[in-house]
Amino acid sequence: MDIYDAGIFAIKQGGALGVLLSINGFPDGHQEAFTRPPSFIGIDGSDIFLVLDQRVRLDELLRQKMNVAMEAGSFFFSAKDMILE
């Protein structure tokens, strides 16, 4: 599924919240496609690495990503930001 297909899926799903996984991250300018209200929370390769390296717990990462999605309307929050806090 490319970013365009994900956008079509988001529109058709209405109020559903899903996870969009991209190992190489998300292209600049495409994040706006999933804002207000976000249809997805994004997870990238660096997020997965930090979880597998046990530097961030998966449940805490998902909780933080959902909070940012609901409060700020942004579908992506990096796990790196959790380590810096």
N, C-alpha and C. Protein backbone atom coordinates (compact mmCIF):
# COMPACT_ATOMS: atom_id res chain seq x y z
N MET A 1 0.86 -1.17 0.00
CA MET A 1 0.00 0.00 0.00
C MET A 1 0.90 1.23 0.00
N ASP A 2 0.73 2.11 -0.97
CA ASP A 2 1.50 3.34 -0.96
C ASP A 2 0.73 4.42 -0.21
N ILE A 3 1.32 5.61 -0.09
CA ILE A 3 0.74 6.68 0.72
C ILE A 3 -0.61 7.12 0.14
N TYR A 4 -0.78 7.07 -1.18
CA TYR A 4 -2.05 7.43 -1.80
C TYR A 4 -3.13 6.42 -1.41
N ASP A 5 -2.81 5.13 -1.51
CA ASP A 5 -3.77 4.10 -1.13
C ASP A 5 -4.16 4.21 0.33
N ALA A 6 -3.21 4.54 1.18
CA ALA A 6 -3.50 4.70 2.60
C ALA A 6 -4.47 5.87 2.81
N GLY A 7 -4.31 6.93 2.04
CA GLY A 7 -5.23 8.05 2.14
C GLY A 7 -6.64 7.68 1.73
N ILE A 8 -6.79 6.92 0.68
CA ILE A 8 -8.10 6.44 0.24
C ILE A 8 -8.71 5.55 1.32
N PHE A 9 -7.91 4.65 1.89
CA PHE A 9 -8.38 3.78 2.96
C PHE A 9 -8.86 4.60 4.15
N ALA A 10 -8.10 5.64 4.51
CA ALA A 10 -8.46 6.47 5.65
C ALA A 10 -9.80 7.15 5.43
N ILE A 11 -10.05 7.63 4.23
CA ILE A 11 -11.31 8.30 3.94
C ILE A 11 -12.47 7.32 4.04
N LYS A 12 -12.31 6.12 3.53
CA LYS A 12 -13.38 5.13 3.52
C LYS A 12 -13.69 4.58 4.91
N GLN A 13 -12.72 4.61 5.83
CA GLN A 13 -12.92 4.00 7.14
C GLN A 13 -13.60 4.92 8.14
N GLY A 14 -13.75 6.17 7.84
CA GLY A 14 -14.45 7.07 8.75
C GLY A 14 -13.70 7.26 10.05
N GLY A 15 -14.25 6.79 11.17
CA GLY A 15 -13.67 7.02 12.47
C GLY A 15 -12.66 6.00 12.93
N ALA A 16 -12.25 5.08 12.07
CA ALA A 16 -11.31 4.03 12.47
C ALA A 16 -9.92 4.61 12.66
N LEU A 17 -9.16 4.02 13.58
CA LEU A 17 -7.78 4.41 13.80
C LEU A 17 -6.91 3.19 13.54
N GLY A 18 -5.97 3.32 12.63
CA GLY A 18 -5.10 2.21 12.28
C GLY A 18 -3.65 2.56 12.50
N VAL A 19 -2.77 1.63 12.15
CA VAL A 19 -1.33 1.83 12.26
C VAL A 19 -0.74 1.75 10.86
N LEU A 20 0.02 2.76 10.50
CA LEU A 20 0.71 2.79 9.21
C LEU A 20 2.19 2.60 9.49
N LEU A 21 2.76 1.53 9.00
CA LEU A 21 4.15 1.17 9.25
C LEU A 21 4.99 1.49 8.03
N SER A 22 6.07 2.24 8.25
CA SER A 22 7.00 2.56 7.18
C SER A 22 8.41 2.42 7.72
N ILE A 23 9.13 1.43 7.27
CA ILE A 23 10.48 1.20 7.78
C ILE A 23 11.38 2.40 7.52
N ASN A 24 11.25 3.04 6.36
CA ASN A 24 12.12 4.16 5.99
C ASN A 24 11.57 5.52 6.37
N GLY A 25 10.53 5.57 7.17
CA GLY A 25 9.96 6.86 7.57
C GLY A 25 8.89 7.32 6.60
N PHE A 26 8.45 8.55 6.81
CA PHE A 26 7.36 9.11 6.03
C PHE A 26 7.85 10.33 5.27
N PRO A 27 7.52 10.43 3.97
CA PRO A 27 7.98 11.56 3.17
C PRO A 27 7.42 12.89 3.69
N ASP A 28 8.23 13.93 3.58
CA ASP A 28 7.76 15.26 3.97
C ASP A 28 6.56 15.64 3.12
N GLY A 29 5.60 16.27 3.75
CA GLY A 29 4.42 16.72 3.04
C GLY A 29 3.29 15.72 3.01
N HIS A 30 3.55 14.45 3.32
CA HIS A 30 2.48 13.46 3.29
C HIS A 30 1.79 13.31 4.64
N GLN A 31 2.39 13.86 5.69
CA GLN A 31 1.79 13.72 7.01
C GLN A 31 0.46 14.46 7.11
N GLU A 32 0.29 15.52 6.34
CA GLU A 32 -0.96 16.27 6.38
C GLU A 32 -2.15 15.45 5.90
N ALA A 33 -1.88 14.41 5.13
CA ALA A 33 -2.96 13.57 4.61
C ALA A 33 -3.70 12.82 5.72
N PHE A 34 -3.07 12.70 6.88
CA PHE A 34 -3.66 11.91 7.95
C PHE A 34 -3.92 12.74 9.20
N THR A 35 -4.18 14.03 9.04
CA THR A 35 -4.39 14.87 10.21
C THR A 35 -5.84 15.31 10.32
N ARG A 36 -6.22 15.64 11.50
CA ARG A 36 -7.49 16.26 11.89
C ARG A 36 -8.72 15.63 11.29
N PRO A 37 -9.35 14.69 11.83
CA PRO A 37 -8.78 13.81 12.85
C PRO A 37 -7.90 12.78 12.19
N PRO A 38 -6.82 12.37 12.86
CA PRO A 38 -5.94 11.38 12.22
C PRO A 38 -6.63 10.03 12.08
N SER A 39 -6.38 9.37 10.98
CA SER A 39 -6.94 8.04 10.74
C SER A 39 -5.93 6.95 11.08
N PHE A 40 -4.66 7.35 11.19
CA PHE A 40 -3.58 6.41 11.45
C PHE A 40 -2.64 6.98 12.50
N ILE A 41 -1.94 6.09 13.20
CA ILE A 41 -0.74 6.49 13.90
C ILE A 41 0.40 5.86 13.12
N GLY A 42 1.47 6.60 12.93
CA GLY A 42 2.59 6.11 12.14
C GLY A 42 3.69 5.52 13.00
N ILE A 43 4.26 4.44 12.53
CA ILE A 43 5.40 3.81 13.18
C ILE A 43 6.47 3.64 12.11
N ASP A 44 7.70 4.12 12.43
CA ASP A 44 8.77 3.97 11.45
C ASP A 44 9.86 3.04 11.98
N GLY A 45 10.87 2.83 11.18
CA GLY A 45 11.93 1.89 11.51
C GLY A 45 12.67 2.24 12.79
N SER A 46 12.89 3.53 13.04
CA SER A 46 13.58 3.91 14.27
C SER A 46 12.73 3.61 15.49
N ASP A 47 11.40 3.73 15.37
CA ASP A 47 10.51 3.35 16.47
C ASP A 47 10.66 1.86 16.78
N ILE A 48 10.65 1.04 15.73
CA ILE A 48 10.75 -0.41 15.90
C ILE A 48 12.09 -0.77 16.53
N PHE A 49 13.16 -0.13 16.07
CA PHE A 49 14.48 -0.39 16.63
C PHE A 49 14.51 -0.09 18.13
N LEU A 50 13.97 1.06 18.53
CA LEU A 50 13.99 1.43 19.95
C LEU A 50 13.16 0.49 20.81
N VAL A 51 12.07 -0.03 20.25
CA VAL A 51 11.27 -1.01 20.99
C VAL A 51 12.03 -2.32 21.11
N LEU A 52 12.61 -2.81 20.00
CA LEU A 52 13.34 -4.07 20.04
C LEU A 52 14.60 -3.98 20.90
N ASP A 53 15.18 -2.78 20.98
CA ASP A 53 16.36 -2.55 21.80
C ASP A 53 15.98 -2.32 23.28
N GLN A 54 14.70 -2.38 23.55
CA GLN A 54 14.12 -2.22 24.89
C GLN A 54 14.43 -0.86 25.51
N ARG A 55 14.53 0.15 24.67
CA ARG A 55 14.71 1.52 25.17
C ARG A 55 13.38 2.22 25.34
N VAL A 56 12.36 1.70 24.65
CA VAL A 56 11.00 2.22 24.75
C VAL A 56 10.06 1.02 24.78
N ARG A 57 9.10 1.05 25.69
CA ARG A 57 8.10 -0.04 25.73
C ARG A 57 7.05 0.19 24.66
N LEU A 58 6.65 -0.88 23.98
CA LEU A 58 5.67 -0.77 22.89
C LEU A 58 4.36 -0.19 23.38
N ASP A 59 3.86 -0.64 24.52
CA ASP A 59 2.58 -0.13 25.01
C ASP A 59 2.65 1.37 25.32
N GLU A 60 3.77 1.82 25.87
CA GLU A 60 3.94 3.25 26.16
C GLU A 60 4.05 4.06 24.87
N LEU A 61 4.76 3.52 23.89
CA LEU A 61 4.90 4.20 22.60
C LEU A 61 3.55 4.36 21.93
N LEU A 62 2.76 3.29 21.88
CA LEU A 62 1.44 3.37 21.25
C LEU A 62 0.53 4.34 22.01
N ARG A 63 0.60 4.32 23.33
CA ARG A 63 -0.21 5.25 24.13
C ARG A 63 0.17 6.71 23.84
N GLN A 64 1.48 6.97 23.77
CA GLN A 64 1.95 8.33 23.49
C GLN A 64 1.57 8.76 22.08
N LYS A 65 1.70 7.85 21.12
CA LYS A 65 1.33 8.16 19.74
C LYS A 65 -0.17 8.48 19.64
N MET A 66 -0.99 7.73 20.35
CA MET A 66 -2.43 7.99 20.32
C MET A 66 -2.75 9.32 20.98
N ASN A 67 -2.07 9.65 22.08
CA ASN A 67 -2.29 10.94 22.74
C ASN A 67 -1.94 12.10 21.81
N VAL A 68 -0.79 12.00 21.15
CA VAL A 68 -0.37 13.06 20.23
C VAL A 68 -1.35 13.16 19.06
N ALA A 69 -1.81 12.02 18.56
CA ALA A 69 -2.76 12.02 17.44
C ALA A 69 -4.06 12.72 17.84
N MET A 70 -4.56 12.44 19.02
CA MET A 70 -5.84 13.02 19.45
C MET A 70 -5.70 14.48 19.87
N GLU A 71 -4.60 14.83 20.54
CA GLU A 71 -4.44 16.19 21.05
C GLU A 71 -3.90 17.15 20.00
N ALA A 72 -2.88 16.74 19.27
CA ALA A 72 -2.22 17.63 18.31
C ALA A 72 -2.69 17.41 16.88
N GLY A 73 -3.39 16.31 16.63
CA GLY A 73 -3.85 16.03 15.27
C GLY A 73 -2.75 15.55 14.35
N SER A 74 -1.63 15.12 14.91
CA SER A 74 -0.51 14.66 14.11
C SER A 74 -0.45 13.13 14.15
N PHE A 75 -0.31 12.50 13.02
CA PHE A 75 -0.34 11.04 13.00
C PHE A 75 0.99 10.42 13.37
N PHE A 76 2.08 11.22 13.41
CA PHE A 76 3.38 10.64 13.71
C PHE A 76 4.04 11.34 14.88
N PHE A 77 4.49 10.54 15.83
CA PHE A 77 5.28 10.97 16.98
C PHE A 77 6.43 9.99 17.08
N SER A 78 7.66 10.48 17.08
CA SER A 78 8.82 9.60 17.08
C SER A 78 9.15 9.08 18.48
N ALA A 79 9.52 7.82 18.56
CA ALA A 79 9.95 7.23 19.82
C ALA A 79 11.20 7.93 20.35
N LYS A 80 12.00 8.51 19.46
CA LYS A 80 13.18 9.26 19.89
C LYS A 80 12.79 10.40 20.82
N ASP A 81 11.64 10.99 20.59
CA ASP A 81 11.17 12.09 21.44
C ASP A 81 10.86 11.62 22.84
N MET A 82 10.50 10.36 23.01
CA MET A 82 10.22 9.81 24.34
C MET A 82 11.52 9.66 25.13
N ILE A 83 12.59 9.32 24.44
CA ILE A 83 13.88 9.14 25.10
C ILE A 83 14.45 10.49 25.55
N LEU A 84 14.18 11.52 24.76
CA LEU A 84 14.72 12.85 25.06
C LEU A 84 13.96 13.54 26.19
N GLU A 85 12.76 13.06 26.51
CA GLU A 85 11.95 13.71 27.55
C GLU A 85 12.52 13.46 28.92
